[in-house]
Amino acid sequence: RGSLFTPILVASHRPGVNLFKLGEPASDALAALAEGGDIAPLNDMLLGNSNVVGTDHSDGLLEPGHSVTVYVPAGNANQISLAAMILPT
């Protein structure tokens, strides 16, 4: 019982990287994650941004009461962003 997370995508980056903008529709890449749990388009979008230092993600579903560790290169990044889909929604 409880909610699960789809694979969790984590990115380290410098300022100016936004996964979404308030009041605007989600990008196709973020929508793919939100609607189907597919992290690949968002990961590709992030890695194409020169302000993103690196990304990593968990594997499979994360069940209630469990934890996961991801390793993201920090370099000169001073911010992180993460995204996942919560099930069921």
Protein backbone atom coordinates (compact mmCIF):
# COMPACT_ATOMS: atom_id res chain seq x y z
CA ARG A 1 0.00 0.00 0.00
CA GLY A 2 1.22 3.51 -0.73
CA SER A 3 2.73 5.30 -3.67
CA LEU A 4 5.64 4.26 -5.84
CA PHE A 5 8.13 6.38 -7.77
CA THR A 6 9.09 5.59 -11.34
CA PRO A 7 12.82 5.93 -12.04
CA ILE A 8 14.00 9.17 -10.45
CA LEU A 9 16.04 11.46 -12.70
CA VAL A 10 18.56 13.75 -10.98
CA ALA A 11 20.60 16.50 -12.67
CA SER A 12 23.38 18.72 -11.35
CA HIS A 13 23.55 22.10 -13.01
CA ARG A 14 24.38 25.76 -12.86
CA PRO A 15 21.65 28.43 -12.54
CA GLY A 16 19.31 28.91 -15.46
CA VAL A 17 18.21 25.30 -15.89
CA ASN A 18 14.47 24.81 -15.34
CA LEU A 19 12.50 21.59 -15.75
CA PHE A 20 9.35 23.67 -16.22
CA LYS A 21 8.10 27.25 -16.15
CA LEU A 22 5.13 28.19 -14.00
CA GLY A 23 2.02 28.95 -16.01
CA GLU A 24 3.34 27.31 -19.18
CA PRO A 25 2.61 23.85 -20.59
CA ALA A 26 5.12 21.12 -19.78
CA SER A 27 7.70 20.31 -22.42
CA ASP A 28 7.17 17.09 -24.37
CA ALA A 29 10.13 15.63 -22.47
CA LEU A 30 8.64 16.40 -19.06
CA ALA A 31 5.20 15.22 -20.21
CA ALA A 32 6.71 11.85 -21.22
CA LEU A 33 7.94 11.44 -17.66
CA ALA A 34 4.76 12.71 -16.01
CA GLU A 35 2.40 10.65 -18.16
CA GLY A 36 4.36 7.46 -18.78
CA GLY A 37 7.39 7.41 -16.50
CA ASP A 38 9.82 7.67 -19.44
CA ILE A 39 12.94 9.53 -18.31
CA ALA A 40 14.90 9.23 -21.59
CA PRO A 41 13.54 12.36 -23.35
CA LEU A 42 14.07 14.57 -20.29
CA ASN A 43 17.53 13.11 -19.69
CA ASP A 44 18.48 13.81 -23.32
CA MET A 45 17.09 17.36 -23.07
CA LEU A 46 19.10 18.03 -19.92
CA LEU A 47 22.33 16.59 -21.30
CA GLY A 48 21.93 18.87 -24.32
CA ASN A 49 22.05 21.94 -22.06
CA SER A 50 25.57 23.32 -21.55
CA ASN A 51 24.66 24.38 -17.99
CA VAL A 52 23.98 20.77 -16.97
CA VAL A 53 27.05 19.07 -15.50
CA GLY A 54 25.61 15.56 -15.31
CA THR A 55 22.62 13.33 -14.72
CA ASP A 56 21.90 9.98 -13.13
CA HIS A 57 18.77 8.00 -12.40
CA SER A 58 17.47 5.20 -10.28
CA ASP A 59 16.40 1.91 -11.85
CA GLY A 60 12.91 0.49 -11.73
CA LEU A 61 10.14 1.37 -9.32
CA LEU A 62 10.91 2.68 -5.84
CA GLU A 63 8.49 1.16 -3.35
CA PRO A 64 7.24 2.73 -0.12
CA GLY A 65 9.76 2.38 2.70
CA HIS A 66 12.71 1.83 0.35
CA SER A 67 15.49 4.20 -0.61
CA VAL A 68 17.82 4.66 -3.53
CA THR A 69 21.20 6.31 -4.03
CA VAL A 70 22.21 8.08 -7.23
CA TYR A 71 25.59 9.59 -8.00
CA VAL A 72 25.63 12.80 -10.01
CA PRO A 73 28.86 14.58 -10.94
CA ALA A 74 28.95 17.99 -9.31
CA GLY A 75 31.82 19.74 -11.05
CA ASN A 76 31.08 23.46 -10.85
CA ALA A 77 27.33 22.91 -10.50
CA ASN A 78 25.67 24.38 -7.43
CA GLN A 79 22.08 23.23 -8.00
CA ILE A 80 20.25 19.95 -8.45
CA SER A 81 16.88 19.12 -9.93
CA LEU A 82 14.99 15.87 -9.76
CA ALA A 83 11.88 14.49 -11.37
CA ALA A 84 9.84 11.31 -11.19
CA MET A 85 6.30 10.09 -11.72
CA ILE A 86 4.33 8.98 -8.66
CA LEU A 87 2.12 5.91 -8.99
CA PRO A 88 -0.79 5.57 -8.77
CA THR A 89 -1.96 8.94 -10.04
